[in-house]
Amino acid sequence: HNLNRQVAFYDAIGMLKAERLAKTMTEMGKISGAATKIRAITGKFTPE
């Protein structure tokens, strides 16, 4: 049900969103020449 608006995940049902988005961003960086390091953190944000 995410696929109608979360367009980066068209082929990623069942995958962790952070990991899949980080992968997409890394691939885009390689194409554009950006030297950005992308890390996925697969946990819920809390005050701690």
ModelCIF file with pLDDT and N, C-alpha, C, O atoms, coordinates in Angstrom:
data_MODEL
#
_entry.id   MODEL 
#
_entity.id                         1 
_entity.type                       polymer 
_entity.pdbx_number_of_molecules   1 
#
_entity_poly.entity_id                      1 
_entity_poly.type                           'polypeptide(L)' 
_entity_poly.nstd_linkage                   no 
_entity_poly.nstd_monomer                   no 
_entity_poly.pdbx_seq_one_letter_code       HNLNRQVAFYDAIGMLKAERLAKTMTEMGKISGAATKIRAITGKFTPE 
_entity_poly.pdbx_seq_one_letter_code_can   HNLNRQVAFYDAIGMLKAERLAKTMTEMGKISGAATKIRAITGKFTPE 
_entity_poly.pdbx_strand_id                 A 
#
loop_
_entity_poly_seq.entity_id 
_entity_poly_seq.num 
_entity_poly_seq.mon_id 
_entity_poly_seq.hetero 
1 1  HIS n 
1 2  ASN n 
1 3  LEU n 
1 4  ASN n 
1 5  ARG n 
1 6  GLN n 
1 7  VAL n 
1 8  ALA n 
1 9  PHE n 
1 10 TYR n 
1 11 ASP n 
1 12 ALA n 
1 13 ILE n 
1 14 GLY n 
1 15 MET n 
1 16 LEU n 
1 17 LYS n 
1 18 ALA n 
1 19 GLU n 
1 20 ARG n 
1 21 LEU n 
1 22 ALA n 
1 23 LYS n 
1 24 THR n 
1 25 MET n 
1 26 THR n 
1 27 GLU n 
1 28 MET n 
1 29 GLY n 
1 30 LYS n 
1 31 ILE n 
1 32 SER n 
1 33 GLY n 
1 34 ALA n 
1 35 ALA n 
1 36 THR n 
1 37 LYS n 
1 38 ILE n 
1 39 ARG n 
1 40 ALA n 
1 41 ILE n 
1 42 THR n 
1 43 GLY n 
1 44 LYS n 
1 45 PHE n 
1 46 THR n 
1 47 PRO n 
1 48 GLU n 
#
_struct_asym.id          A 
_struct_asym.entity_id   1 
#
loop_
_ma_qa_metric.id 
_ma_qa_metric.mode 
_ma_qa_metric.name 
_ma_qa_metric.software_group_id 
_ma_qa_metric.type 
1 global pLDDT . pLDDT 
2 local  pLDDT . pLDDT 
#
_ma_qa_metric_global.metric_id      1 
_ma_qa_metric_global.metric_value   92.96 
_ma_qa_metric_global.model_id       1 
_ma_qa_metric_global.ordinal_id     1 
#
loop_
_ma_qa_metric_local.label_asym_id 
_ma_qa_metric_local.label_comp_id 
_ma_qa_metric_local.label_seq_id 
_ma_qa_metric_local.metric_id 
_ma_qa_metric_local.metric_value 
_ma_qa_metric_local.model_id 
_ma_qa_metric_local.ordinal_id 
A HIS 1  2 88.00 1 1  
A ASN 2  2 89.00 1 2  
A LEU 3  2 89.00 1 3  
A ASN 4  2 86.00 1 4  
A ARG 5  2 88.00 1 5  
A GLN 6  2 91.00 1 6  
A VAL 7  2 89.00 1 7  
A ALA 8  2 91.00 1 8  
A PHE 9  2 94.00 1 9  
A TYR 10 2 92.00 1 10 
A ASP 11 2 93.00 1 11 
A ALA 12 2 95.00 1 12 
A ILE 13 2 96.00 1 13 
A GLY 14 2 96.00 1 14 
A MET 15 2 97.00 1 15 
A LEU 16 2 98.00 1 16 
A LYS 17 2 97.00 1 17 
A ALA 18 2 98.00 1 18 
A GLU 19 2 98.00 1 19 
A ARG 20 2 97.00 1 20 
A LEU 21 2 97.00 1 21 
A ALA 22 2 97.00 1 22 
A LYS 23 2 96.00 1 23 
A THR 24 2 96.00 1 24 
A MET 25 2 96.00 1 25 
A THR 26 2 96.00 1 26 
A GLU 27 2 94.00 1 27 
A MET 28 2 93.00 1 28 
A GLY 29 2 92.00 1 29 
A LYS 30 2 91.00 1 30 
A ILE 31 2 89.00 1 31 
A SER 32 2 87.00 1 32 
A GLY 33 2 88.00 1 33 
A ALA 34 2 87.00 1 34 
A ALA 35 2 89.00 1 35 
A THR 36 2 94.00 1 36 
A LYS 37 2 96.00 1 37 
A ILE 38 2 97.00 1 38 
A ARG 39 2 97.00 1 39 
A ALA 40 2 98.00 1 40 
A ILE 41 2 97.00 1 41 
A THR 42 2 96.00 1 42 
A GLY 43 2 91.00 1 43 
A LYS 44 2 90.00 1 44 
A PHE 45 2 92.00 1 45 
A THR 46 2 90.00 1 46 
A PRO 47 2 86.00 1 47 
A GLU 48 2 88.00 1 48 
#
loop_
_atom_site.group_PDB 
_atom_site.id 
_atom_site.type_symbol 
_atom_site.label_atom_id 
_atom_site.label_alt_id 
_atom_site.label_comp_id 
_atom_site.label_asym_id 
_atom_site.label_entity_id 
_atom_site.label_seq_id 
_atom_site.pdbx_PDB_ins_code 
_atom_site.Cartn_x 
_atom_site.Cartn_y 
_atom_site.Cartn_z 
_atom_site.occupancy 
_atom_site.B_iso_or_equiv 
_atom_site.pdbx_formal_charge 
_atom_site.auth_seq_id 
_atom_site.auth_comp_id 
_atom_site.auth_asym_id 
_atom_site.auth_atom_id 
_atom_site.pdbx_PDB_model_num 
ATOM 1   N N  . HIS A 1 1  ? 0.817  -1.219 0.000   1.00 88.00 ? 1  HIS A N  1 
ATOM 2   C CA . HIS A 1 1  ? 0.000  0.000  0.000   1.00 88.00 ? 1  HIS A CA 1 
ATOM 3   C C  . HIS A 1 1  ? 0.849  1.267  0.000   1.00 88.00 ? 1  HIS A C  1 
ATOM 4   O O  . HIS A 1 1  ? 0.313  2.360  -0.184  1.00 88.00 ? 1  HIS A O  1 
ATOM 5   N N  . ASN A 1 2  ? 2.165  1.147  0.203   1.00 89.00 ? 2  ASN A N  1 
ATOM 6   C CA . ASN A 1 2  ? 3.059  2.307  0.149   1.00 89.00 ? 2  ASN A CA 1 
ATOM 7   C C  . ASN A 1 2  ? 3.354  2.753  -1.282  1.00 89.00 ? 2  ASN A C  1 
ATOM 8   O O  . ASN A 1 2  ? 3.742  3.898  -1.511  1.00 89.00 ? 2  ASN A O  1 
ATOM 9   N N  . LEU A 1 3  ? 3.172  1.857  -2.231  1.00 89.00 ? 3  LEU A N  1 
ATOM 10  C CA . LEU A 1 3  ? 3.735  2.068  -3.567  1.00 89.00 ? 3  LEU A CA 1 
ATOM 11  C C  . LEU A 1 3  ? 3.068  3.194  -4.348  1.00 89.00 ? 3  LEU A C  1 
ATOM 12  O O  . LEU A 1 3  ? 3.655  3.703  -5.302  1.00 89.00 ? 3  LEU A O  1 
ATOM 13  N N  . ASN A 1 4  ? 1.847  3.597  -3.966  1.00 86.00 ? 4  ASN A N  1 
ATOM 14  C CA . ASN A 1 4  ? 1.195  4.660  -4.737  1.00 86.00 ? 4  ASN A CA 1 
ATOM 15  C C  . ASN A 1 4  ? 1.835  6.020  -4.512  1.00 86.00 ? 4  ASN A C  1 
ATOM 16  O O  . ASN A 1 4  ? 1.589  6.943  -5.289  1.00 86.00 ? 4  ASN A O  1 
ATOM 17  N N  . ARG A 1 5  ? 2.659  6.174  -3.460  1.00 88.00 ? 5  ARG A N  1 
ATOM 18  C CA . ARG A 1 5  ? 3.251  7.484  -3.173  1.00 88.00 ? 5  ARG A CA 1 
ATOM 19  C C  . ARG A 1 5  ? 4.734  7.413  -2.807  1.00 88.00 ? 5  ARG A C  1 
ATOM 20  O O  . ARG A 1 5  ? 5.415  8.438  -2.819  1.00 88.00 ? 5  ARG A O  1 
ATOM 21  N N  . GLN A 1 6  ? 5.240  6.236  -2.485  1.00 91.00 ? 6  GLN A N  1 
ATOM 22  C CA . GLN A 1 6  ? 6.644  6.081  -2.116  1.00 91.00 ? 6  GLN A CA 1 
ATOM 23  C C  . GLN A 1 6  ? 7.374  5.466  -3.301  1.00 91.00 ? 6  GLN A C  1 
ATOM 24  O O  . GLN A 1 6  ? 7.631  4.263  -3.351  1.00 91.00 ? 6  GLN A O  1 
ATOM 25  N N  . VAL A 1 7  ? 7.694  6.333  -4.247  1.00 89.00 ? 7  VAL A N  1 
ATOM 26  C CA . VAL A 1 7  ? 8.068  5.887  -5.598  1.00 89.00 ? 7  VAL A CA 1 
ATOM 27  C C  . VAL A 1 7  ? 9.426  5.201  -5.662  1.00 89.00 ? 7  VAL A C  1 
ATOM 28  O O  . VAL A 1 7  ? 9.721  4.516  -6.641  1.00 89.00 ? 7  VAL A O  1 
ATOM 29  N N  . ALA A 1 8  ? 10.255 5.370  -4.643  1.00 91.00 ? 8  ALA A N  1 
ATOM 30  C CA . ALA A 1 8  ? 11.569 4.724  -4.663  1.00 91.00 ? 8  ALA A CA 1 
ATOM 31  C C  . ALA A 1 8  ? 11.480 3.233  -4.387  1.00 91.00 ? 8  ALA A C  1 
ATOM 32  O O  . ALA A 1 8  ? 12.471 2.517  -4.530  1.00 91.00 ? 8  ALA A O  1 
ATOM 33  N N  . PHE A 1 9  ? 10.295 2.751  -3.990  1.00 94.00 ? 9  PHE A N  1 
ATOM 34  C CA . PHE A 1 9  ? 10.177 1.371  -3.519  1.00 94.00 ? 9  PHE A CA 1 
ATOM 35  C C  . PHE A 1 9  ? 9.371  0.483  -4.459  1.00 94.00 ? 9  PHE A C  1 
ATOM 36  O O  . PHE A 1 9  ? 8.777  -0.504 -4.027  1.00 94.00 ? 9  PHE A O  1 
ATOM 37  N N  . TYR A 1 10 ? 9.351  0.831  -5.733  1.00 92.00 ? 10 TYR A N  1 
ATOM 38  C CA . TYR A 1 10 ? 8.516  0.092  -6.676  1.00 92.00 ? 10 TYR A CA 1 
ATOM 39  C C  . TYR A 1 10 ? 8.880  -1.391 -6.755  1.00 92.00 ? 10 TYR A C  1 
ATOM 40  O O  . TYR A 1 10 ? 8.037  -2.214 -7.113  1.00 92.00 ? 10 TYR A O  1 
ATOM 41  N N  . ASP A 1 11 ? 10.129 -1.740 -6.423  1.00 93.00 ? 11 ASP A N  1 
ATOM 42  C CA . ASP A 1 11 ? 10.582 -3.131 -6.512  1.00 93.00 ? 11 ASP A CA 1 
ATOM 43  C C  . ASP A 1 11 ? 11.090 -3.640 -5.164  1.00 93.00 ? 11 ASP A C  1 
ATOM 44  O O  . ASP A 1 11 ? 11.929 -4.539 -5.115  1.00 93.00 ? 11 ASP A O  1 
ATOM 45  N N  . ALA A 1 12 ? 10.576 -3.058 -4.058  1.00 95.00 ? 12 ALA A N  1 
ATOM 46  C CA . ALA A 1 12 ? 11.215 -3.305 -2.764  1.00 95.00 ? 12 ALA A CA 1 
ATOM 47  C C  . ALA A 1 12 ? 10.248 -3.770 -1.671  1.00 95.00 ? 12 ALA A C  1 
ATOM 48  O O  . ALA A 1 12 ? 10.521 -3.563 -0.489  1.00 95.00 ? 12 ALA A O  1 
ATOM 49  N N  . ILE A 1 13 ? 9.136  -4.388 -2.037  1.00 96.00 ? 13 ILE A N  1 
ATOM 50  C CA . ILE A 1 13 ? 8.202  -4.856 -1.014  1.00 96.00 ? 13 ILE A CA 1 
ATOM 51  C C  . ILE A 1 13 ? 8.899  -5.836 -0.071  1.00 96.00 ? 13 ILE A C  1 
ATOM 52  O O  . ILE A 1 13 ? 9.550  -6.786 -0.505  1.00 96.00 ? 13 ILE A O  1 
ATOM 53  N N  . GLY A 1 14 ? 8.745  -5.579 1.230   1.00 96.00 ? 14 GLY A N  1 
ATOM 54  C CA . GLY A 1 14 ? 9.363  -6.440 2.233   1.00 96.00 ? 14 GLY A CA 1 
ATOM 55  C C  . GLY A 1 14 ? 10.740 -5.982 2.689   1.00 96.00 ? 14 GLY A C  1 
ATOM 56  O O  . GLY A 1 14 ? 11.264 -6.485 3.683   1.00 96.00 ? 14 GLY A O  1 
ATOM 57  N N  . MET A 1 15 ? 11.331 -5.030 1.970   1.00 97.00 ? 15 MET A N  1 
ATOM 58  C CA . MET A 1 15 ? 12.661 -4.521 2.349   1.00 97.00 ? 15 MET A CA 1 
ATOM 59  C C  . MET A 1 15 ? 12.524 -3.401 3.377   1.00 97.00 ? 15 MET A C  1 
ATOM 60  O O  . MET A 1 15 ? 11.477 -2.760 3.477   1.00 97.00 ? 15 MET A O  1 
ATOM 61  N N  . LEU A 1 16 ? 13.584 -3.174 4.134   1.00 98.00 ? 16 LEU A N  1 
ATOM 62  C CA . LEU A 1 16 ? 13.610 -2.046 5.055   1.00 98.00 ? 16 LEU A CA 1 
ATOM 63  C C  . LEU A 1 16 ? 13.734 -0.751 4.260   1.00 98.00 ? 16 LEU A C  1 
ATOM 64  O O  . LEU A 1 16 ? 14.576 -0.640 3.370   1.00 98.00 ? 16 LEU A O  1 
ATOM 65  N N  . LYS A 1 17 ? 12.891 0.227  4.587   1.00 97.00 ? 17 LYS A N  1 
ATOM 66  C CA . LYS A 1 17 ? 12.858 1.470  3.821   1.00 97.00 ? 17 LYS A CA 1 
ATOM 67  C C  . LYS A 1 17 ? 14.192 2.207  3.856   1.00 97.00 ? 17 LYS A C  1 
ATOM 68  O O  . LYS A 1 17 ? 14.656 2.700  2.828   1.00 97.00 ? 17 LYS A O  1 
ATOM 69  N N  . ALA A 1 18 ? 14.810 2.284  5.030   1.00 98.00 ? 18 ALA A N  1 
ATOM 70  C CA . ALA A 1 18 ? 16.071 3.018  5.144   1.00 98.00 ? 18 ALA A CA 1 
ATOM 71  C C  . ALA A 1 18 ? 17.145 2.399  4.256   1.00 98.00 ? 18 ALA A C  1 
ATOM 72  O O  . ALA A 1 18 ? 17.895 3.112  3.589   1.00 98.00 ? 18 ALA A O  1 
ATOM 73  N N  . GLU A 1 19 ? 17.214 1.072  4.251   1.00 98.00 ? 19 GLU A N  1 
ATOM 74  C CA . GLU A 1 19 ? 18.234 0.399  3.443   1.00 98.00 ? 19 GLU A CA 1 
ATOM 75  C C  . GLU A 1 19 ? 17.960 0.576  1.954   1.00 98.00 ? 19 GLU A C  1 
ATOM 76  O O  . GLU A 1 19 ? 18.883 0.810  1.174   1.00 98.00 ? 19 GLU A O  1 
ATOM 77  N N  . ARG A 1 20 ? 16.706 0.466  1.563   1.00 97.00 ? 20 ARG A N  1 
ATOM 78  C CA . ARG A 1 20 ? 16.398 0.585  0.132   1.00 97.00 ? 20 ARG A CA 1 
ATOM 79  C C  . ARG A 1 20 ? 16.608 2.013  -0.352  1.00 97.00 ? 20 ARG A C  1 
ATOM 80  O O  . ARG A 1 20 ? 17.145 2.219  -1.441  1.00 97.00 ? 20 ARG A O  1 
ATOM 81  N N  . LEU A 1 21 ? 16.193 3.007  0.440   1.00 97.00 ? 21 LEU A N  1 
ATOM 82  C CA . LEU A 1 21 ? 16.394 4.393  0.031   1.00 97.00 ? 21 LEU A CA 1 
ATOM 83  C C  . LEU A 1 21 ? 17.878 4.731  0.000   1.00 97.00 ? 21 LEU A C  1 
ATOM 84  O O  . LEU A 1 21 ? 18.333 5.432  -0.905  1.00 97.00 ? 21 LEU A O  1 
ATOM 85  N N  . ALA A 1 22 ? 18.636 4.244  0.976   1.00 97.00 ? 22 ALA A N  1 
ATOM 86  C CA . ALA A 1 22 ? 20.083 4.492  0.984   1.00 97.00 ? 22 ALA A CA 1 
ATOM 87  C C  . ALA A 1 22 ? 20.746 3.896  -0.253  1.00 97.00 ? 22 ALA A C  1 
ATOM 88  O O  . ALA A 1 22 ? 21.664 4.490  -0.820  1.00 97.00 ? 22 ALA A O  1 
ATOM 89  N N  . LYS A 1 23 ? 20.282 2.730  -0.665  1.00 96.00 ? 23 LYS A N  1 
ATOM 90  C CA . LYS A 1 23 ? 20.828 2.103  -1.877  1.00 96.00 ? 23 LYS A CA 1 
ATOM 91  C C  . LYS A 1 23 ? 20.538 2.950  -3.106  1.00 96.00 ? 23 LYS A C  1 
ATOM 92  O O  . LYS A 1 23 ? 21.418 3.164  -3.940  1.00 96.00 ? 23 LYS A O  1 
ATOM 93  N N  . THR A 1 24 ? 19.303 3.432  -3.218  1.00 96.00 ? 24 THR A N  1 
ATOM 94  C CA . THR A 1 24 ? 18.924 4.287  -4.348  1.00 96.00 ? 24 THR A CA 1 
ATOM 95  C C  . THR A 1 24 ? 19.761 5.559  -4.373  1.00 96.00 ? 24 THR A C  1 
ATOM 96  O O  . THR A 1 24 ? 20.251 5.969  -5.425  1.00 96.00 ? 24 THR A O  1 
ATOM 97  N N  . MET A 1 25 ? 19.921 6.178  -3.215  1.00 96.00 ? 25 MET A N  1 
ATOM 98  C CA . MET A 1 25 ? 20.710 7.407  -3.125  1.00 96.00 ? 25 MET A CA 1 
ATOM 99  C C  . MET A 1 25 ? 22.173 7.159  -3.488  1.00 96.00 ? 25 MET A C  1 
ATOM 100 O O  . MET A 1 25 ? 22.798 7.985  -4.153  1.00 96.00 ? 25 MET A O  1 
ATOM 101 N N  . THR A 1 26 ? 22.709 6.040  -3.058  1.00 96.00 ? 26 THR A N  1 
ATOM 102 C CA . THR A 1 26 ? 24.098 5.697  -3.392  1.00 96.00 ? 26 THR A CA 1 
ATOM 103 C C  . THR A 1 26 ? 24.271 5.527  -4.890  1.00 96.00 ? 26 THR A C  1 
ATOM 104 O O  . THR A 1 26 ? 25.248 6.005  -5.465  1.00 96.00 ? 26 THR A O  1 
ATOM 105 N N  . GLU A 1 27 ? 23.321 4.843  -5.527  1.00 94.00 ? 27 GLU A N  1 
ATOM 106 C CA . GLU A 1 27 ? 23.386 4.645  -6.977  1.00 94.00 ? 27 GLU A CA 1 
ATOM 107 C C  . GLU A 1 27 ? 23.279 5.966  -7.721  1.00 94.00 ? 27 GLU A C  1 
ATOM 108 O O  . GLU A 1 27 ? 23.969 6.174  -8.719  1.00 94.00 ? 27 GLU A O  1 
ATOM 109 N N  . MET A 1 28 ? 22.415 6.866  -7.239  1.00 93.00 ? 28 MET A N  1 
ATOM 110 C CA . MET A 1 28 ? 22.283 8.183  -7.863  1.00 93.00 ? 28 MET A CA 1 
ATOM 111 C C  . MET A 1 28 ? 23.565 8.984  -7.703  1.00 93.00 ? 28 MET A C  1 
ATOM 112 O O  . MET A 1 28 ? 23.974 9.694  -8.621  1.00 93.00 ? 28 MET A O  1 
ATOM 113 N N  . GLY A 1 29 ? 24.200 8.873  -6.544  1.00 92.00 ? 29 GLY A N  1 
ATOM 114 C CA . GLY A 1 29 ? 25.449 9.591  -6.311  1.00 92.00 ? 29 GLY A CA 1 
ATOM 115 C C  . GLY A 1 29 ? 26.551 9.148  -7.249  1.00 92.00 ? 29 GLY A C  1 
ATOM 116 O O  . GLY A 1 29 ? 27.348 9.966  -7.708  1.00 92.00 ? 29 GLY A O  1 
ATOM 117 N N  . LYS A 1 30 ? 26.601 7.859  -7.537  1.00 91.00 ? 30 LYS A N  1 
ATOM 118 C CA . LYS A 1 30 ? 27.612 7.344  -8.464  1.00 91.00 ? 30 LYS A CA 1 
ATOM 119 C C  . LYS A 1 30 ? 27.418 7.917  -9.862  1.00 91.00 ? 30 LYS A C  1 
ATOM 120 O O  . LYS A 1 30 ? 28.383 8.231  -10.559 1.00 91.00 ? 30 LYS A O  1 
ATOM 121 N N  . ILE A 1 31 ? 26.158 8.048  -10.260 1.00 89.00 ? 31 ILE A N  1 
ATOM 122 C CA . ILE A 1 31 ? 25.866 8.578  -11.590 1.00 89.00 ? 31 ILE A CA 1 
ATOM 123 C C  . ILE A 1 31 ? 26.210 10.063 -11.682 1.00 89.00 ? 31 ILE A C  1 
ATOM 124 O O  . ILE A 1 31 ? 26.769 10.515 -12.681 1.00 89.00 ? 31 ILE A O  1 
ATOM 125 N N  . SER A 1 32 ? 25.873 10.818 -10.636 1.00 87.00 ? 32 SER A N  1 
ATOM 126 C CA . SER A 1 32 ? 26.084 12.274 -10.667 1.00 87.00 ? 32 SER A CA 1 
ATOM 127 C C  . SER A 1 32 ? 27.495 12.682 -10.271 1.00 87.00 ? 32 SER A C  1 
ATOM 128 O O  . SER A 1 32 ? 27.894 13.829 -10.472 1.00 87.00 ? 32 SER A O  1 
ATOM 129 N N  . GLY A 1 33 ? 28.249 11.746 -9.708  1.00 88.00 ? 33 GLY A N  1 
ATOM 130 C CA . GLY A 1 33 ? 29.606 12.068 -9.279  1.00 88.00 ? 33 GLY A CA 1 
ATOM 131 C C  . GLY A 1 33 ? 29.698 12.584 -7.858  1.00 88.00 ? 33 GLY A C  1 
ATOM 132 O O  . GLY A 1 33 ? 30.769 13.012 -7.429  1.00 88.00 ? 33 GLY A O  1 
ATOM 133 N N  . ALA A 1 34 ? 28.600 12.553 -7.117  1.00 87.00 ? 34 ALA A N  1 
ATOM 134 C CA . ALA A 1 34 ? 28.620 12.997 -5.724  1.00 87.00 ? 34 ALA A CA 1 
ATOM 135 C C  . ALA A 1 34 ? 29.414 12.016 -4.878  1.00 87.00 ? 34 ALA A C  1 
ATOM 136 O O  . ALA A 1 34 ? 29.275 10.801 -5.020  1.00 87.00 ? 34 ALA A O  1 
ATOM 137 N N  . ALA A 1 35 ? 30.248 12.556 -3.994  1.00 89.00 ? 35 ALA A N  1 
ATOM 138 C CA . ALA A 1 35 ? 31.091 11.704 -3.148  1.00 89.00 ? 35 ALA A CA 1 
ATOM 139 C C  . ALA A 1 35 ? 30.457 11.457 -1.779  1.00 89.00 ? 35 ALA A C  1 
ATOM 140 O O  . ALA A 1 35 ? 31.154 11.132 -0.818  1.00 89.00 ? 35 ALA A O  1 
ATOM 141 N N  . THR A 1 36 ? 29.146 11.610 -1.693  1.00 94.00 ? 36 THR A N  1 
ATOM 142 C CA . THR A 1 36 ? 28.434 11.485 -0.430  1.00 94.00 ? 36 THR A CA 1 
ATOM 143 C C  . THR A 1 36 ? 28.395 10.034 0.042   1.00 94.00 ? 36 THR A C  1 
ATOM 144 O O  . THR A 1 36 ? 28.092 9.127  -0.732  1.00 94.00 ? 36 THR A O  1 
ATOM 145 N N  . LYS A 1 37 ? 28.703 9.830  1.303   1.00 96.00 ? 37 LYS A N  1 
ATOM 146 C CA . LYS A 1 37 ? 28.559 8.516  1.920   1.00 96.00 ? 37 LYS A CA 1 
ATOM 147 C C  . LYS A 1 37 ? 27.155 8.409  2.498   1.00 96.00 ? 37 LYS A C  1 
ATOM 148 O O  . LYS A 1 37 ? 26.700 9.300  3.216   1.00 96.00 ? 37 LYS A O  1 
ATOM 149 N N  . ILE A 1 38 ? 26.474 7.313  2.181   1.00 97.00 ? 38 ILE A N  1 
ATOM 150 C CA . ILE A 1 38 ? 25.099 7.112  2.643   1.00 97.00 ? 38 ILE A CA 1 
ATOM 151 C C  . ILE A 1 38 ? 25.082 5.921  3.597   1.00 97.00 ? 38 ILE A C  1 
ATOM 152 O O  . ILE A 1 38 ? 25.577 4.843  3.267   1.00 97.00 ? 38 ILE A O  1 
ATOM 153 N N  . ARG A 1 39 ? 24.510 6.122  4.778   1.00 97.00 ? 39 ARG A N  1 
ATOM 154 C CA . ARG A 1 39 ? 24.375 5.030  5.737   1.00 97.00 ? 39 ARG A CA 1 
ATOM 155 C C  . ARG A 1 39 ? 22.909 4.867  6.118   1.00 97.00 ? 39 ARG A C  1 
ATOM 156 O O  . ARG A 1 39 ? 22.202 5.853  6.323   1.00 97.00 ? 39 ARG A O  1 
ATOM 157 N N  . ALA A 1 40 ? 22.455 3.618  6.211   1.00 98.00 ? 40 ALA A N  1 
ATOM 158 C CA . ALA A 1 40 ? 21.100 3.316  6.644   1.00 98.00 ? 40 ALA A CA 1 
ATOM 159 C C  . ALA A 1 40 ? 21.111 2.929  8.115   1.00 98.00 ? 40 ALA A C  1 
ATOM 160 O O  . ALA A 1 40 ? 21.913 2.100  8.545   1.00 98.00 ? 40 ALA A O  1 
ATOM 161 N N  . ILE A 1 41 ? 20.210 3.540  8.881   1.00 97.00 ? 41 ILE A N  1 
ATOM 162 C CA . ILE A 1 41 ? 20.038 3.204  10.286  1.00 97.00 ? 41 ILE A CA 1 
ATOM 163 C C  . ILE A 1 41 ? 18.611 2.700  10.445  1.00 97.00 ? 41 ILE A C  1 
ATOM 164 O O  . ILE A 1 41 ? 17.659 3.472  10.333  1.00 97.00 ? 41 ILE A O  1 
ATOM 165 N N  . THR A 1 42 ? 18.461 1.405  10.706  1.00 96.00 ? 42 THR A N  1 
ATOM 166 C CA . THR A 1 42 ? 17.147 0.769  10.658  1.00 96.00 ? 42 THR A CA 1 
ATOM 167 C C  . THR A 1 42 ? 16.551 0.619  12.058  1.00 96.00 ? 42 THR A C  1 
ATOM 168 O O  . THR A 1 42 ? 16.293 -0.493 12.521  1.00 96.00 ? 42 THR A O  1 
ATOM 169 N N  . GLY A 1 43 ? 16.344 1.711  12.698  1.00 91.00 ? 43 GLY A N  1 
ATOM 170 C CA . GLY A 1 43 ? 15.721 1.717  14.019  1.00 91.00 ? 43 GLY A CA 1 
ATOM 171 C C  . GLY A 1 43 ? 14.767 2.877  14.139  1.00 91.00 ? 43 GLY A C  1 
ATOM 172 O O  . GLY A 1 43 ? 14.790 3.801  13.326  1.00 91.00 ? 43 GLY A O  1 
ATOM 173 N N  . LYS A 1 44 ? 13.924 2.828  15.158  1.00 90.00 ? 44 LYS A N  1 
ATOM 174 C CA . LYS A 1 44 ? 12.975 3.912  15.399  1.00 90.00 ? 44 LYS A CA 1 
ATOM 175 C C  . LYS A 1 44 ? 13.679 5.046  16.134  1.00 90.00 ? 44 LYS A C  1 
ATOM 176 O O  . LYS A 1 44 ? 14.437 4.806  17.074  1.00 90.00 ? 44 LYS A O  1 
ATOM 177 N N  . PHE A 1 45 ? 13.427 6.280  15.705  1.00 92.00 ? 45 PHE A N  1 
ATOM 178 C CA . PHE A 1 45 ? 14.039 7.415  16.385  1.00 92.00 ? 45 PHE A CA 1 
ATOM 179 C C  . PHE A 1 45 ? 13.389 7.612  17.754  1.00 92.00 ? 45 PHE A C  1 
ATOM 180 O O  . PHE A 1 45 ? 12.164 7.647  17.871  1.00 92.00 ? 45 PHE A O  1 
ATOM 181 N N  . THR A 1 46 ? 14.225 7.741  18.789  1.00 90.00 ? 46 THR A N  1 
ATOM 182 C CA . THR A 1 46 ? 13.772 8.011  20.152  1.00 90.00 ? 46 THR A CA 1 
ATOM 183 C C  . THR A 1 46 ? 14.652 9.114  20.738  1.00 90.00 ? 46 THR A C  1 
ATOM 184 O O  . THR A 1 46 ? 15.695 9.431  20.167  1.00 90.00 ? 46 THR A O  1 
ATOM 185 N N  . PRO A 1 47 ? 14.253 9.700  21.862  1.00 86.00 ? 47 PRO A N  1 
ATOM 186 C CA . PRO A 1 47 ? 15.099 10.727 22.492  1.00 86.00 ? 47 PRO A CA 1 
ATOM 187 C C  . PRO A 1 47 ? 16.481 10.204 22.884  1.00 86.00 ? 47 PRO A C  1 
ATOM 188 O O  . PRO A 1 47 ? 17.406 10.988 23.097  1.00 86.00 ? 47 PRO A O  1 
ATOM 189 N N  . GLU A 1 48 ? 16.622 8.879  22.979  1.00 88.00 ? 48 GLU A N  1 
ATOM 190 C CA . GLU A 1 48 ? 17.910 8.288  23.358  1.00 88.00 ? 48 GLU A CA 1 
ATOM 191 C C  . GLU A 1 48 ? 18.775 7.971  22.147  1.00 88.00 ? 48 GLU A C  1 
ATOM 192 O O  . GLU A 1 48 ? 19.889 7.470  22.297  1.00 88.00 ? 48 GLU A O  1 
#
